[in-house]
Structure formats: C-alpha cells, structure tokens
C-alpha atoms as a PDB file:
ATOM      1  CA  MET A   1     118.830 184.645 100.595  1.00  0.00           C
ATOM      2  CA  SER A   2     122.016 185.012  98.972  1.00  0.00           C
ATOM      3  CA  ALA A   3     123.292 187.905  97.491  1.00  0.00           C
ATOM      4  CA  ILE A   4     122.982 188.339  93.614  1.00  0.00           C
ATOM      5  CA  PRO A   5     126.871 188.519  92.165  1.00  0.00           C
ATOM      6  CA  HIS A   6     128.283 192.026  92.237  1.00  0.00           C
ATOM      7  CA  ILE A   7     128.852 192.642  88.072  1.00  0.00           C
ATOM      8  CA  LYS A   8     131.367 195.150  87.154  1.00  0.00           C
ATOM      9  CA  PRO A   9     130.696 197.814  85.051  1.00  0.00           C
ATOM     10  CA  ASP A  10     132.430 198.711  81.873  1.00  0.00           C
ATOM     11  CA  ALA A  11     132.574 202.392  81.331  1.00  0.00           C
ATOM     12  CA  ASN A  12     131.866 202.373  77.897  1.00  0.00           C
ATOM     13  CA  ASP A  13     128.943 199.777  78.001  1.00  0.00           C
ATOM     14  CA  VAL A  14     125.286 201.086  78.647  1.00  0.00           C
ATOM     15  CA  THR A  15     124.353 197.661  79.450  1.00  0.00           C
ATOM     16  CA  SER A  16     126.910 196.650  81.789  1.00  0.00           C
ATOM     17  CA  ARG A  17     125.951 199.850  83.958  1.00  0.00           C
ATOM     18  CA  ARG A  18     122.350 199.093  83.732  1.00  0.00           C
ATOM     19  CA  LEU A  19     123.045 195.666  84.804  1.00  0.00           C
ATOM     20  CA  ASP A  20     125.412 196.925  87.607  1.00  0.00           C
ATOM     21  CA  GLY A  21     122.112 199.149  89.014  1.00  0.00           C
ATOM     22  CA  LEU A  22     120.091 196.399  88.652  1.00  0.00           C
ATOM     23  CA  SER A  23     122.023 193.798  91.177  1.00  0.00           C
ATOM     24  CA  LYS A  24     122.649 196.751  93.316  1.00  0.00           C
ATOM     25  CA  ALA A  25     118.736 197.140  93.586  1.00  0.00           C
ATOM     26  CA  CYS A  26     118.601 193.690  94.406  1.00  0.00           C
ATOM     27  CA  ASN A  27     121.069 193.252  96.859  1.00  0.00           C
ATOM     28  CA  SER A  28     119.276 196.239  99.156  1.00  0.00           C
ATOM     29  CA  THR A  29     117.775 195.753 102.144  1.00  0.00           C
ATOM     30  CA  ALA A  30     115.633 198.807 101.692  1.00  0.00           C
ATOM     31  CA  PRO A  31     112.132 198.349 103.116  1.00  0.00           C
ATOM     32  CA  ASP A  32     108.822 198.033 100.768  1.00  0.00           C
ATOM     33  CA  ARG A  33     108.183 201.883  99.649  1.00  0.00           C
ATOM     34  CA  LEU A  34     104.741 201.088  99.377  1.00  0.00           C
ATOM     35  CA  HIS A  35     103.639 199.421 102.449  1.00  0.00           C
ATOM     36  CA  GLY A  36     106.302 200.702 105.007  1.00  0.00           C
ATOM     37  CA  ASN A  37     107.739 197.459 105.731  1.00  0.00           C
ATOM     38  CA  ARG A  38     109.311 194.165 104.418  1.00  0.00           C
ATOM     39  CA  VAL A  39     106.189 192.321 103.462  1.00  0.00           C
ATOM     40  CA  GLY A  40     106.487 192.982  99.932  1.00  0.00           C
ATOM     41  CA  TRP A  41     110.034 192.942  99.333  1.00  0.00           C
ATOM     42  CA  PRO A  42     110.732 189.194  98.661  1.00  0.00           C
ATOM     43  CA  LEU A  43     108.537 189.283  95.957  1.00  0.00           C
ATOM     44  CA  ALA A  44     109.981 192.344  94.796  1.00  0.00           C
ATOM     45  CA  ARG A  45     113.156 190.614  94.803  1.00  0.00           C
ATOM     46  CA  MET A  46     112.248 187.596  93.155  1.00  0.00           C
ATOM     47  CA  LEU A  47     110.804 189.477  90.283  1.00  0.00           C
ATOM     48  CA  ALA A  48     113.762 191.658  90.398  1.00  0.00           C
ATOM     49  CA  VAL A  49     116.146 188.391  90.017  1.00  0.00           C
ATOM     50  CA  SER A  50     114.108 187.135  87.608  1.00  0.00           C
ATOM     51  CA  MET A  51     114.602 190.197  85.339  1.00  0.00           C
ATOM     52  CA  LEU A  52     118.286 190.297  85.919  1.00  0.00           C
ATOM     53  CA  MET A  53     118.274 186.656  84.375  1.00  0.00           C
ATOM     54  CA  LEU A  54     116.085 187.167  81.487  1.00  0.00           C
ATOM     55  CA  VAL A  55     117.965 190.467  80.647  1.00  0.00           C
ATOM     56  CA  GLY A  56     121.385 188.351  80.921  1.00  0.00           C
ATOM     57  CA  MET A  57     120.226 185.697  78.586  1.00  0.00           C
ATOM     58  CA  VAL A  58     119.026 188.165  76.043  1.00  0.00           C
ATOM     59  CA  LEU A  59     122.533 190.159  76.496  1.00  0.00           C
ATOM     60  CA  ALA A  60     124.157 186.926  75.992  1.00  0.00           C
ATOM     61  CA  LEU A  61     122.527 185.910  72.454  1.00  0.00           C
ATOM     62  CA  ASP A  62     123.296 189.574  71.179  1.00  0.00           C
ATOM     63  CA  VAL A  63     126.835 189.374  72.371  1.00  0.00           C
ATOM     64  CA  ALA A  64     126.947 186.153  70.528  1.00  0.00           C
ATOM     65  CA  ALA A  65     125.255 187.015  67.517  1.00  0.00           C
ATOM     66  CA  ALA A  66     127.243 190.375  67.079  1.00  0.00           C
ATOM     67  CA  SER A  67     130.368 189.010  67.891  1.00  0.00           C
ATOM     68  CA  GLY A  68     130.536 185.792  66.104  1.00  0.00           C
ATOM     69  CA  SER A  69     132.230 185.354  62.862  1.00  0.00           C
ATOM     70  CA  PRO A  70     130.147 185.484  59.943  1.00  0.00           C
ATOM     71  CA  ARG A  71     131.740 183.277  57.282  1.00  0.00           C
ATOM     72  CA  ILE A  72     131.280 184.071  53.757  1.00  0.00           C
ATOM     73  CA  SER A  73     132.311 182.128  50.729  1.00  0.00           C
ATOM     74  CA  LEU A  74     133.182 183.718  47.256  1.00  0.00           C
ATOM     75  CA  ASP A  75     133.258 182.143  43.936  1.00  0.00           C
ATOM     76  CA  VAL A  76     135.140 183.526  40.448  1.00  0.00           C
ATOM     77  CA  ARG A  77     135.043 182.761  37.251  1.00  0.00           C
ATOM     78  CA  SER A  78     135.890 183.789  34.082  1.00  0.00           C
ATOM     79  CA  GLY A  79     132.806 184.689  31.616  1.00  0.00           C
ATOM     80  CA  SER A  80     129.601 186.506  32.479  1.00  0.00           C
ATOM     81  CA  SER A  81     126.544 185.354  34.456  1.00  0.00           C
ATOM     82  CA  ASN A  82     123.882 183.689  32.294  1.00  0.00           C
ATOM     83  CA  GLY A  83     121.300 185.928  34.858  1.00  0.00           C
ATOM     84  CA  SER A  84     119.833 183.075  36.927  1.00  0.00           C
ATOM     85  CA  ASP A  85     123.016 181.412  38.182  1.00  0.00           C
ATOM     86  CA  GLY A  86     123.215 184.002  41.023  1.00  0.00           C
ATOM     87  CA  TYR A  87     126.525 185.385  40.071  1.00  0.00           C
ATOM     88  CA  THR A  88     127.201 189.305  39.000  1.00  0.00           C
ATOM     89  CA  ASP A  89     128.912 190.490  36.459  1.00  0.00           C
ATOM     90  CA  THR A  90     132.361 192.294  36.548  1.00  0.00           C
ATOM     91  CA  THR A  91     135.068 193.535  34.576  1.00  0.00           C
ATOM     92  CA  ALA A  92     138.785 192.007  35.074  1.00  0.00           C
ATOM     93  CA  SER A  93     141.673 194.301  35.120  1.00  0.00           C
ATOM     94  CA  ASN A  94     142.181 193.240  31.150  1.00  0.00           C
ATOM     95  CA  GLY A  95     138.644 194.328  30.260  1.00  0.00           C
ATOM     96  CA  ASP A  96     137.496 190.783  30.153  1.00  0.00           C
ATOM     97  CA  ALA A  97     134.298 189.537  31.357  1.00  0.00           C
ATOM     98  CA  TYR A  98     134.117 187.576  34.796  1.00  0.00           C
ATOM     99  CA  SER A  99     131.489 186.831  37.470  1.00  0.00           C
ATOM    100  CA  TYR A 100     131.604 185.941  41.030  1.00  0.00           C
ATOM    101  CA  ARG A 101     129.069 184.736  43.549  1.00  0.00           C
ATOM    102  CA  TYR A 102     129.390 185.195  47.515  1.00  0.00           C
ATOM    103  CA  SER A 103     127.409 182.715  49.559  1.00  0.00           C
ATOM    104  CA  GLY A 104     126.329 183.682  53.102  1.00  0.00           C
ATOM    105  CA  GLY A 105     125.257 187.097  54.606  1.00  0.00           C
ATOM    106  CA  GLU A 106     121.738 188.347  53.513  1.00  0.00           C
ATOM    107  CA  GLY A 107     119.864 187.241  50.759  1.00  0.00           C
ATOM    108  CA  LYS A 108     123.566 185.092  50.176  1.00  0.00           C
ATOM    109  CA  GLY A 109     124.909 187.680  48.478  1.00  0.00           C
ATOM    110  CA  GLY A 110     127.946 188.557  50.859  1.00  0.00           C
ATOM    111  CA  ASP A 111     126.158 191.742  52.249  1.00  0.00           C
ATOM    112  CA  LEU A 112     126.090 191.847  56.264  1.00  0.00           C
ATOM    113  CA  THR A 113     124.060 194.147  58.723  1.00  0.00           C
ATOM    114  CA  PHE A 114     124.986 194.177  62.172  1.00  0.00           C
ATOM    115  CA  LYS A 115     121.914 195.762  64.621  1.00  0.00           C
ATOM    116  CA  ILE A 116     123.923 195.703  67.778  1.00  0.00           C
ATOM    117  CA  ARG A 117     127.737 197.473  68.731  1.00  0.00           C
ATOM    118  CA  GLY A 118     130.907 195.373  69.164  1.00  0.00           C
ATOM    119  CA  ARG A 119     133.702 194.304  67.322  1.00  0.00           C
ATOM    120  CA  VAL A 120     133.078 191.553  64.592  1.00  0.00           C
ATOM    121  CA  THR A 121     135.487 189.890  62.344  1.00  0.00           C
ATOM    122  CA  ILE A 122     134.085 188.988  59.048  1.00  0.00           C
ATOM    123  CA  ASN A 123     136.026 185.691  56.973  1.00  0.00           C
ATOM    124  CA  VAL A 124     135.707 185.676  53.291  1.00  0.00           C
ATOM    125  CA  HIS A 125     136.428 182.191  51.839  1.00  0.00           C
ATOM    126  CA  LEU A 126     137.759 182.033  48.293  1.00  0.00           C
ATOM    127  CA  THR A 127     136.345 178.493  47.083  1.00  0.00           C
ATOM    128  CA  ASN A 128     138.220 178.590  43.765  1.00  0.00           C
ATOM    129  CA  GLY A 129     140.714 175.694  43.436  1.00  0.00           C
ATOM    130  CA  SER A 130     144.710 176.708  42.719  1.00  0.00           C
ATOM    131  CA  GLY A 131     144.901 179.688  40.221  1.00  0.00           C
ATOM    132  CA  TYR A 132     142.942 182.082  42.380  1.00  0.00           C
ATOM    133  CA  THR A 133     143.968 183.677  45.321  1.00  0.00           C
ATOM    134  CA  ILE A 134     143.101 186.837  47.004  1.00  0.00           C
ATOM    135  CA  GLU A 135     145.169 189.399  46.304  1.00  0.00           C
ATOM    136  CA  ASP A 136     143.601 192.940  47.852  1.00  0.00           C
ATOM    137  CA  VAL A 137     140.720 193.728  50.267  1.00  0.00           C
ATOM    138  CA  SER A 138     139.903 197.692  49.875  1.00  0.00           C
ATOM    139  CA  PHE A 139     136.477 199.495  51.634  1.00  0.00           C
ATOM    140  CA  THR A 140     134.475 202.577  50.163  1.00  0.00           C
ATOM    141  CA  ASP A 141     132.231 204.518  52.353  1.00  0.00           C
ATOM    142  CA  ASP A 142     134.014 203.574  55.269  1.00  0.00           C
ATOM    143  CA  ASP A 143     134.135 207.400  56.680  1.00  0.00           C
ATOM    144  CA  ASN A 144     134.788 206.313  60.155  1.00  0.00           C
ATOM    145  CA  LYS A 145     137.357 203.950  59.658  1.00  0.00           C
ATOM    146  CA  GLN A 146     135.275 200.960  61.059  1.00  0.00           C
ATOM    147  CA  LEU A 147     136.879 198.271  58.742  1.00  0.00           C
ATOM    148  CA  SER A 148     140.467 196.564  57.956  1.00  0.00           C
ATOM    149  CA  TRP A 149     142.125 193.996  56.465  1.00  0.00           C
ATOM    150  CA  LYS A 150     143.758 191.857  59.036  1.00  0.00           C
ATOM    151  CA  ASN A 151     145.849 189.371  57.135  1.00  0.00           C
ATOM    152  CA  PRO A 152     147.318 190.381  53.739  1.00  0.00           C
ATOM    153  CA  ASN A 153     148.649 187.615  51.910  1.00  0.00           C
ATOM    154  CA  ALA A 154     146.588 184.851  53.194  1.00  0.00           C
ATOM    155  CA  GLY A 155     145.611 183.236  50.036  1.00  0.00           C
ATOM    156  CA  LYS A 156     142.681 181.907  50.309  1.00  0.00           C
ATOM    157  CA  VAL A 157     140.750 183.675  53.817  1.00  0.00           C
ATOM    158  CA  ALA A 158     140.617 187.272  53.960  1.00  0.00           C
ATOM    159  CA  VAL A 159     139.559 188.337  57.572  1.00  0.00           C
ATOM    160  CA  ILE A 160     137.987 192.038  57.725  1.00  0.00           C
ATOM    161  CA  GLN A 161     137.798 193.318  61.184  1.00  0.00           C
ATOM    162  CA  ASN A 162     134.612 195.625  61.919  1.00  0.00           C
ATOM    163  CA  MET A 163     134.893 197.866  64.860  1.00  0.00           C
ATOM    164  CA  ASN A 164     131.001 198.326  64.281  1.00  0.00           C
ATOM    165  CA  SER A 165     130.741 201.034  66.756  1.00  0.00           C
ATOM    166  CA  VAL A 166     129.133 203.620  64.575  1.00  0.00           C
ATOM    167  CA  VAL A 167     125.843 203.422  62.007  1.00  0.00           C
ATOM    168  CA  GLN A 168     127.181 203.120  58.432  1.00  0.00           C
ATOM    169  CA  THR A 169     126.844 201.336  55.307  1.00  0.00           C
ATOM    170  CA  ALA A 170     130.356 200.623  53.655  1.00  0.00           C
ATOM    171  CA  ASN A 171     131.114 198.247  50.880  1.00  0.00           C
ATOM    172  CA  TYR A 172     133.955 195.986  50.846  1.00  0.00           C
ATOM    173  CA  LYS A 173     135.865 194.584  47.790  1.00  0.00           C
ATOM    174  CA  VAL A 174     137.585 191.642  47.836  1.00  0.00           C
ATOM    175  CA  THR A 175     139.986 191.619  44.892  1.00  0.00           C
ATOM    176  CA  VAL A 176     140.895 188.219  43.183  1.00  0.00           C
ATOM    177  CA  LYS A 177     143.872 187.248  41.464  1.00  0.00           C
ATOM    178  CA  ASP A 178     143.170 184.637  38.306  1.00  0.00           C
ATOM    179  CA  GLU A 179     146.870 183.741  38.119  1.00  0.00           C
ATOM    180  CA  GLY A 180     146.627 181.851  34.852  1.00  0.00           C
ATOM    181  CA  ALA A 181     144.920 184.984  33.283  1.00  0.00           C
ATOM    182  CA  ASP A 182     147.600 187.150  35.446  1.00  0.00           C
ATOM    183  CA  VAL A 183     144.389 189.254  35.884  1.00  0.00           C
ATOM    184  CA  THR A 184     142.510 190.567  38.966  1.00  0.00           C
ATOM    185  CA  VAL A 185     138.699 190.519  39.083  1.00  0.00           C
ATOM    186  CA  PRO A 186     137.059 193.217  41.686  1.00  0.00           C
ATOM    187  CA  CYS A 187     134.292 191.815  43.980  1.00  0.00           C
ATOM    188  CA  ASP A 188     132.157 194.033  46.250  1.00  0.00           C
ATOM    189  CA  PRO A 189     128.756 193.467  48.870  1.00  0.00           C
ATOM    190  CA  LYS A 190     127.906 195.766  51.515  1.00  0.00           C
ATOM    191  CA  ILE A 191     128.649 196.084  55.320  1.00  0.00           C
ATOM    192  CA  ILE A 192     125.706 197.923  57.315  1.00  0.00           C
ATOM    193  CA  ASN A 193     126.181 199.184  60.640  1.00  0.00           C
ATOM    194  CA  ARG A 194     122.390 199.988  62.119  1.00  0.00           C
END
C-alpha cells in the first residue's frame, strides 16, 4: 500500500496541523496495540484514510464557502420606501429622503455572517445607472480592524476586505453620490464574524 501524502502544516492553522498528525499516523508501521500484532492494522489504516479523505472534503467545502467572494447588489433611489418594496429609508446629505435596497447576503439585505475564519473579499455592486457612484465605504464597530475598503474611486463596485480572524459584529456603510442632485446617501448593513 502506498504512503499517504504528507501534509505540511501551516503554523497558524489548527486544521492543517491536525491533518498533518493524522497523515503521519496513517503512514506509521506501528503494530496494532490491542492485539500485539498487525492483524487489525490494515482495517485501522483504511478507516484512518477514509477519515482523512472525509475531513479533507469538508475542509475544502468550508474553505470554499469562507474564501468566496460574496456579491452584494445595492440600488439607491430618491424618495422614501412605501414600506413593502424592500427599501430602507435614509437621509441624504441635504436632508432629502432617499431609500436603498441591498440584494444578496442574509435575508437579501446585504448583511453577511462568516462562521469560519479566513480572509474574505466582499463585492458590493451599485446597480443604478449613470449619475450614481460609490463615493465612500466606512466601517463602525470594527474595533479589531478586520475590515478595509480596497478600491477607492472605483465608481460602481466597492471591494471590501474582511480579515475574518476574530469574532465581531460590525457595520459597513456604502456612501453613494447622486451626481444630479449633488448629494451623498448613506447605506449601512452588517458584517458578522462568528
């Protein structure tokens, strides 16, 4: 039987250290301790290999879910919500009523929750036509400095980087500029690292 590939652990990653220990155990030629011989060892090795494969598949799914790039869409309009259209009321810099609607995230409201650790890129796309641009992205309750805006002056797409290395609940606020009215409009959902 061929040896299981050795997994080099990342010093900061508990999961890879555990997988490293499991692959070393599978490659061991130690006798079966229960019977004092190698009779039970092939079965134990087969079970350990199966466990390693299962853990690897689950880990791959978790990493894919964590490191994906959530796509959030944002639509902003002049005027208040009618209460049933999915828009949230906000006030523009000149005091006028505006409303916004996020699509994507949890509950289709732009809120995001990450349950496992690892850097995540969040793309917020402004769906409005010409005359509306993303002017700023800011963060509140980000005491651990987990969030940053990666592409100022991008116009229609804000790229937010979430380090996602500690538990916290923070808000991101995308400020949209209505060029025609020369006002800015704040829009702010949550990012939760569990």
